Protein backbone atom coordinates (compact mmCIF):
# COMPACT_ATOMS: atom_id res chain seq x y z
CA UNK A 1 63.50 -14.62 32.98
CA UNK A 2 60.63 -12.15 33.49
CA UNK A 3 61.83 -10.09 30.51
CA UNK A 4 61.92 -13.14 28.30
CA UNK A 5 58.39 -14.05 29.33
CA UNK A 6 57.24 -10.37 28.67
CA UNK A 7 58.91 -10.57 25.16
CA UNK A 8 57.09 -13.86 24.60
CA UNK A 9 53.79 -12.18 25.58
CA UNK A 10 54.43 -9.35 23.31
CA UNK A 11 55.50 -11.66 20.41
CA UNK A 12 52.16 -13.75 20.83
CA UNK A 13 50.04 -10.65 20.95
CA UNK A 14 51.69 -9.03 18.03
CA UNK A 15 51.59 -12.09 15.90
CA UNK A 16 47.96 -12.57 16.68
CA UNK A 17 47.13 -9.04 15.82
CA UNK A 18 49.07 -9.18 12.51
CA UNK A 19 47.40 -12.56 11.63
CA UNK A 20 43.89 -11.19 12.45
CA UNK A 21 44.48 -7.95 10.54
CA UNK A 22 45.85 -9.84 7.50
CA UNK A 23 42.98 -12.40 7.38
CA UNK A 24 40.27 -9.77 7.98
CA UNK A 25 41.79 -7.50 5.25
CA UNK A 26 41.99 -10.25 2.74
CA UNK A 27 38.55 -11.44 3.30
CA UNK A 28 37.03 -7.85 2.91
CA UNK A 29 39.14 -7.23 -0.13
CA UNK A 30 37.98 -10.57 -1.67
CA UNK A 31 34.34 -9.79 -1.00
CA UNK A 32 34.64 -6.34 -2.65
CA UNK A 33 36.51 -7.76 -5.59
CA UNK A 34 34.02 -10.49 -6.19
CA UNK A 35 30.72 -8.61 -5.78
CA UNK A 36 31.82 -5.24 -7.04
CA UNK A 37 34.36 -6.08 -9.71
CA UNK A 38 33.52 -9.60 -10.54
CA UNK A 39 37.14 -10.79 -10.02
CA UNK A 40 39.25 -12.12 -7.08
CA UNK A 41 42.78 -12.72 -5.86
CA UNK A 42 43.48 -16.34 -6.62
CA UNK A 43 45.80 -16.93 -3.71
CA UNK A 44 43.87 -14.97 -0.95
CA UNK A 45 41.69 -17.78 0.32
CA UNK A 46 44.71 -20.10 0.73
CA UNK A 47 46.59 -17.43 2.63
CA UNK A 48 43.58 -16.70 4.92
CA UNK A 49 43.33 -20.48 5.54
CA UNK A 50 46.96 -20.80 6.59
CA UNK A 51 46.68 -17.56 8.67
CA UNK A 52 43.74 -19.00 10.61
CA UNK A 53 45.75 -22.14 11.23
CA UNK A 54 48.60 -20.03 12.59
CA UNK A 55 46.21 -18.01 14.72
CA UNK A 56 44.81 -21.24 16.28
CA UNK A 57 48.32 -22.49 17.20
CA UNK A 58 49.42 -19.07 18.54
CA UNK A 59 46.16 -18.78 20.51
CA UNK A 60 46.89 -22.24 22.13
CA UNK A 61 49.91 -20.73 23.84
CA UNK A 62 48.02 -17.61 24.71
CA UNK A 63 45.27 -19.88 26.26
CA UNK A 64 47.81 -21.50 28.49
CA UNK A 65 49.14 -18.06 29.59
CA UNK A 66 45.69 -16.87 30.50
CA UNK A 67 44.43 -20.17 31.88
CA UNK A 68 41.52 -20.24 29.41
CA UNK A 69 41.88 -23.72 27.99
CA UNK A 70 39.07 -26.13 28.64
CA UNK A 71 39.75 -28.31 31.66
CA UNK A 72 38.01 -30.44 34.14
CA UNK A 73 38.49 -28.53 37.41
CA UNK A 74 36.44 -30.83 39.68
CA UNK A 75 39.16 -32.40 41.56
CA UNK A 76 40.89 -28.98 42.10
CA UNK A 77 37.74 -27.47 43.33
CA UNK A 78 37.02 -30.02 46.00
CA UNK A 79 40.54 -31.32 47.07
CA UNK A 80 42.64 -29.57 49.75
CA UNK A 81 45.37 -27.20 48.51
CA UNK A 82 48.11 -29.71 48.89
CA UNK A 83 46.42 -32.36 46.78
CA UNK A 84 45.04 -29.91 44.29
CA UNK A 85 48.68 -28.63 43.86
CA UNK A 86 49.81 -32.13 42.96
CA UNK A 87 47.07 -32.47 40.42
CA UNK A 88 47.90 -29.03 38.86
CA UNK A 89 51.60 -29.84 38.68
CA UNK A 90 50.82 -33.14 37.11
CA UNK A 91 48.57 -31.45 34.59
CA UNK A 92 51.28 -28.81 33.81
CA UNK A 93 53.71 -31.71 33.32
CA UNK A 94 51.42 -33.52 30.87
CA UNK A 95 51.10 -30.09 29.07
CA UNK A 96 54.91 -29.83 28.89
CA UNK A 97 55.09 -33.44 27.28
CA UNK A 98 52.43 -32.54 24.79
CA UNK A 99 54.20 -29.36 23.84
CA UNK A 100 57.51 -31.03 23.57
CA UNK A 101 56.02 -33.67 21.34
CA UNK A 102 54.37 -30.93 19.24
CA UNK A 103 57.82 -29.15 18.84
CA UNK A 104 59.66 -32.46 18.04
CA UNK A 105 57.27 -33.92 15.53
CA UNK A 106 56.54 -30.43 14.01
CA UNK A 107 60.15 -29.89 13.49
CA UNK A 108 60.44 -33.30 11.83
CA UNK A 109 57.42 -32.36 9.47
CA UNK A 110 59.11 -29.10 8.68
CA UNK A 111 62.38 -30.85 7.74
CA UNK A 112 60.55 -33.40 5.66
CA UNK A 113 58.53 -30.77 3.81
CA UNK A 114 61.69 -28.75 3.04
CA UNK A 115 63.35 -31.98 1.77
CA UNK A 116 60.53 -32.99 -0.34
CA UNK A 117 59.97 -29.39 -1.71
CA UNK A 118 56.13 -29.55 -1.28
CA UNK A 119 54.48 -26.37 -2.38
CA UNK A 120 51.02 -24.96 -1.72
CA UNK A 121 48.52 -25.12 -4.55
CA UNK A 122 47.78 -21.38 -5.05
CA UNK A 123 50.65 -19.43 -3.68
CA UNK A 124 53.30 -21.93 -4.54
CA UNK A 125 55.33 -21.37 -1.30
CA UNK A 126 56.92 -24.26 0.36
CA UNK A 127 54.60 -26.00 2.84
CA UNK A 128 57.50 -26.08 5.27
CA UNK A 129 56.87 -22.45 5.96
CA UNK A 130 53.13 -23.19 6.65
CA UNK A 131 54.14 -26.22 9.02
CA UNK A 132 56.68 -23.96 10.87
CA UNK A 133 54.03 -22.92 13.29
CA UNK A 134 54.03 -26.45 14.81
CA UNK A 135 57.53 -26.19 16.40
CA UNK A 136 56.97 -22.53 17.17
CA UNK A 137 53.70 -23.25 18.97
CA UNK A 138 55.30 -26.22 20.71
CA UNK A 139 58.03 -23.92 22.02
CA UNK A 140 55.68 -21.27 23.15
CA UNK A 141 53.31 -23.80 24.82
CA UNK A 142 56.32 -25.55 26.57
CA UNK A 143 57.42 -22.31 28.00
CA UNK A 144 53.86 -21.46 29.25
CA UNK A 145 53.22 -24.88 30.82
CA UNK A 146 56.74 -24.85 32.39
CA UNK A 147 55.85 -21.34 33.76
CA UNK A 148 52.48 -22.61 35.05
CA UNK A 149 54.13 -25.64 36.70
CA UNK A 150 56.67 -23.44 38.31
CA UNK A 151 54.05 -21.19 39.65
CA UNK A 152 52.21 -24.15 41.21
CA UNK A 153 55.43 -25.65 42.65
CA UNK A 154 56.63 -22.38 44.22
CA UNK A 155 53.17 -21.50 45.49
CA UNK A 156 52.93 -18.34 43.49
CA UNK A 157 49.65 -19.54 42.09
CA UNK A 158 46.93 -21.29 44.09
CA UNK A 159 45.97 -24.65 42.62
CA UNK A 160 42.50 -24.72 44.04
CA UNK A 161 39.78 -23.39 41.71
CA UNK A 162 37.67 -20.57 43.21
CA UNK A 163 34.21 -21.37 42.15
CA UNK A 164 32.78 -18.12 43.34
CA UNK A 165 35.27 -16.15 41.31
CA UNK A 166 34.44 -18.23 38.15
CA UNK A 167 30.67 -17.66 38.79
CA UNK A 168 31.19 -13.86 39.05
CA UNK A 169 33.45 -14.04 35.92
CA UNK A 170 30.51 -15.61 34.09
CA UNK A 171 28.12 -12.92 35.27
CA UNK A 172 26.47 -15.03 37.97
CA UNK A 173 26.30 -13.98 41.58
CA UNK A 174 27.53 -16.79 43.83
CA UNK A 175 24.65 -18.34 45.88
CA UNK A 176 22.02 -17.62 43.22
């Protein structure tokens, strides 16, 4: 299991690097072509747009992995460990449900787009390939939320929020 999670870490990181490199390269090429040569690549903006969408969904799974999603941690800060653990497990369960729904309905959208043959306006690729990020991201996030819930259940991760650690991470000395 640990190797599968490491492979998922690598896949997410590599996909994000490829997407960022592709989007940045295309934007730079477009700027040079427009302002120096007075021309452009007609499909570049569309590809950059879809790449940014893919980055957002890949980043959602990475945010779960690193614990960087926005959240309301007030309860977990002041509750005792046992109750904080229950809240954290419930939150992880809700995340799993959301990720499963993202997978399920994303897959339905991909199937529908393939059946309808919808194509993008500039690149003329089937939109199903663009929508494919939805079930992929749902799978990644489901694994991450399940991993998080398992860590809370087994006690491998504390459910209480360490306010002093958060303050130091933000560059504030606790007690200031």
